[in-house]
């Protein structure tokens, strides 16, 4: 998984950070929980969002996933194409 900042403090965005996540075929993000609400917007590819209970939900372009603070989650990609996700979060992680 690779991540790059699209907008943040260096760009005058002082309360939010906007990142682009690219999850390679067979890849996944870390299973984590952070103290910030997050909004994920799927822009390309297909994959799965794994919720706090471990259930996998299929995601595809146009899907929006809201993750509450401290909610354990991750994305995984079991397809042959990259999964692209825009992540909006507060300052921090």
C-alpha atoms as a PDB file:
ATOM      1  CA  UNK A   1       0.000   0.000   0.000  1.00  0.00           C
ATOM      2  CA  UNK A   2       1.256   3.444  -0.829  1.00  0.00           C
ATOM      3  CA  UNK A   3      -0.046   6.739   0.484  1.00  0.00           C
ATOM      4  CA  UNK A   4       0.522  10.293  -0.628  1.00  0.00           C
ATOM      5  CA  UNK A   5      -0.757  13.542   0.790  1.00  0.00           C
ATOM      6  CA  UNK A   6      -2.915  15.487  -1.660  1.00  0.00           C
ATOM      7  CA  UNK A   7      -3.672  18.377   0.721  1.00  0.00           C
ATOM      8  CA  UNK A   8      -2.513  19.215   4.211  1.00  0.00           C
ATOM      9  CA  UNK A   9      -0.984  21.962   6.336  1.00  0.00           C
ATOM     10  CA  UNK A  10       1.693  22.735   3.727  1.00  0.00           C
ATOM     11  CA  UNK A  11      -1.132  23.496   1.290  1.00  0.00           C
ATOM     12  CA  UNK A  12      -3.106  25.711   3.674  1.00  0.00           C
ATOM     13  CA  UNK A  13      -5.443  22.893   4.733  1.00  0.00           C
ATOM     14  CA  UNK A  14      -5.156  23.348   8.493  1.00  0.00           C
ATOM     15  CA  UNK A  15      -7.876  21.068   9.890  1.00  0.00           C
ATOM     16  CA  UNK A  16      -7.918  18.167   7.413  1.00  0.00           C
ATOM     17  CA  UNK A  17      -5.493  15.946   5.620  1.00  0.00           C
ATOM     18  CA  UNK A  18      -6.475  14.469   2.261  1.00  0.00           C
ATOM     19  CA  UNK A  19      -4.541  11.372   1.155  1.00  0.00           C
ATOM     20  CA  UNK A  20      -4.632   9.058  -1.830  1.00  0.00           C
ATOM     21  CA  UNK A  21      -4.186   5.393  -0.935  1.00  0.00           C
ATOM     22  CA  UNK A  22      -3.198   2.860  -3.581  1.00  0.00           C
ATOM     23  CA  UNK A  23      -3.605  -0.755  -2.553  1.00  0.00           C
ATOM     24  CA  UNK A  24      -1.866  -3.158  -4.916  1.00  0.00           C
ATOM     25  CA  UNK A  25      -3.394  -6.468  -6.013  1.00  0.00           C
ATOM     26  CA  UNK A  26      -3.201  -8.868  -3.079  1.00  0.00           C
ATOM     27  CA  UNK A  27      -2.392  -6.000  -0.691  1.00  0.00           C
ATOM     28  CA  UNK A  28      -4.068  -4.477   2.323  1.00  0.00           C
ATOM     29  CA  UNK A  29      -3.877  -1.561   4.718  1.00  0.00           C
ATOM     30  CA  UNK A  30      -2.911  -2.070   8.343  1.00  0.00           C
ATOM     31  CA  UNK A  31      -5.741  -3.115  10.627  1.00  0.00           C
ATOM     32  CA  UNK A  32      -5.881  -0.098  12.906  1.00  0.00           C
ATOM     33  CA  UNK A  33      -7.977   2.259  14.944  1.00  0.00           C
ATOM     34  CA  UNK A  34      -7.180   5.933  15.361  1.00  0.00           C
ATOM     35  CA  UNK A  35      -8.731   8.665  17.470  1.00  0.00           C
ATOM     36  CA  UNK A  36     -10.083  10.568  14.481  1.00  0.00           C
ATOM     37  CA  UNK A  37     -13.179  10.213  12.344  1.00  0.00           C
ATOM     38  CA  UNK A  38     -12.268   9.313   8.751  1.00  0.00           C
ATOM     39  CA  UNK A  39     -14.066   9.385   5.426  1.00  0.00           C
ATOM     40  CA  UNK A  40     -12.912   7.075   2.611  1.00  0.00           C
ATOM     41  CA  UNK A  41     -14.023   7.530  -1.011  1.00  0.00           C
ATOM     42  CA  UNK A  42     -13.262   4.701  -3.451  1.00  0.00           C
ATOM     43  CA  UNK A  43     -12.115   6.152  -6.779  1.00  0.00           C
ATOM     44  CA  UNK A  44     -10.840   3.111  -8.682  1.00  0.00           C
ATOM     45  CA  UNK A  45     -10.694  -0.655  -8.576  1.00  0.00           C
ATOM     46  CA  UNK A  46     -12.579  -3.081  -6.383  1.00  0.00           C
ATOM     47  CA  UNK A  47     -11.780  -4.448  -2.955  1.00  0.00           C
ATOM     48  CA  UNK A  48     -13.094  -5.013   0.523  1.00  0.00           C
ATOM     49  CA  UNK A  49     -13.558  -2.902   3.624  1.00  0.00           C
ATOM     50  CA  UNK A  50     -13.227  -5.023   6.769  1.00  0.00           C
ATOM     51  CA  UNK A  51     -15.306  -3.636   9.637  1.00  0.00           C
ATOM     52  CA  UNK A  52     -14.657  -3.812  13.412  1.00  0.00           C
ATOM     53  CA  UNK A  53     -16.365  -7.218  13.619  1.00  0.00           C
ATOM     54  CA  UNK A  54     -14.145  -8.662  10.881  1.00  0.00           C
ATOM     55  CA  UNK A  55     -16.843  -8.733   8.202  1.00  0.00           C
ATOM     56  CA  UNK A  56     -15.651  -7.899   4.674  1.00  0.00           C
ATOM     57  CA  UNK A  57     -17.840  -5.573   2.575  1.00  0.00           C
ATOM     58  CA  UNK A  58     -17.214  -5.238  -1.162  1.00  0.00           C
ATOM     59  CA  UNK A  59     -16.320  -1.714  -2.286  1.00  0.00           C
ATOM     60  CA  UNK A  60     -16.134  -0.168  -5.735  1.00  0.00           C
ATOM     61  CA  UNK A  61     -15.785   3.298  -7.282  1.00  0.00           C
ATOM     62  CA  UNK A  62     -18.212   5.803  -5.805  1.00  0.00           C
ATOM     63  CA  UNK A  63     -18.547   4.057  -2.444  1.00  0.00           C
ATOM     64  CA  UNK A  64     -18.116   6.170   0.696  1.00  0.00           C
ATOM     65  CA  UNK A  65     -17.055   4.543   3.959  1.00  0.00           C
ATOM     66  CA  UNK A  66     -17.216   6.496   7.221  1.00  0.00           C
ATOM     67  CA  UNK A  67     -15.053   5.236  10.068  1.00  0.00           C
ATOM     68  CA  UNK A  68     -15.693   6.546  13.572  1.00  0.00           C
ATOM     69  CA  UNK A  69     -12.863   7.384  15.971  1.00  0.00           C
ATOM     70  CA  UNK A  70     -11.250   4.268  17.491  1.00  0.00           C
ATOM     71  CA  UNK A  71     -13.125   1.930  15.116  1.00  0.00           C
ATOM     72  CA  UNK A  72     -10.880  -0.973  14.087  1.00  0.00           C
ATOM     73  CA  UNK A  73     -10.824  -1.433  10.297  1.00  0.00           C
ATOM     74  CA  UNK A  74      -8.794  -2.107   7.163  1.00  0.00           C
ATOM     75  CA  UNK A  75      -9.047  -2.433   3.393  1.00  0.00           C
ATOM     76  CA  UNK A  76      -7.916  -5.435   1.387  1.00  0.00           C
ATOM     77  CA  UNK A  77      -7.559  -6.041  -2.313  1.00  0.00           C
ATOM     78  CA  UNK A  78      -8.055  -9.568  -3.631  1.00  0.00           C
ATOM     79  CA  UNK A  79      -8.337  -8.509  -7.272  1.00  0.00           C
ATOM     80  CA  UNK A  80      -5.854  -8.169 -10.125  1.00  0.00           C
ATOM     81  CA  UNK A  81      -6.156  -4.360 -10.253  1.00  0.00           C
ATOM     82  CA  UNK A  82      -5.108  -1.617  -7.849  1.00  0.00           C
ATOM     83  CA  UNK A  83      -7.652  -0.192  -5.424  1.00  0.00           C
ATOM     84  CA  UNK A  84      -7.615   3.625  -5.181  1.00  0.00           C
ATOM     85  CA  UNK A  85      -9.113   5.373  -2.149  1.00  0.00           C
ATOM     86  CA  UNK A  86      -9.232   9.043  -1.141  1.00  0.00           C
ATOM     87  CA  UNK A  87      -8.937   9.408   2.649  1.00  0.00           C
ATOM     88  CA  UNK A  88     -10.064  12.543   4.510  1.00  0.00           C
ATOM     89  CA  UNK A  89      -9.144  12.789   8.173  1.00  0.00           C
ATOM     90  CA  UNK A  90      -8.471  15.353  10.857  1.00  0.00           C
ATOM     91  CA  UNK A  91      -4.944  16.368  11.763  1.00  0.00           C
ATOM     92  CA  UNK A  92      -2.965  13.522  13.223  1.00  0.00           C
ATOM     93  CA  UNK A  93      -3.036  10.215  11.372  1.00  0.00           C
END
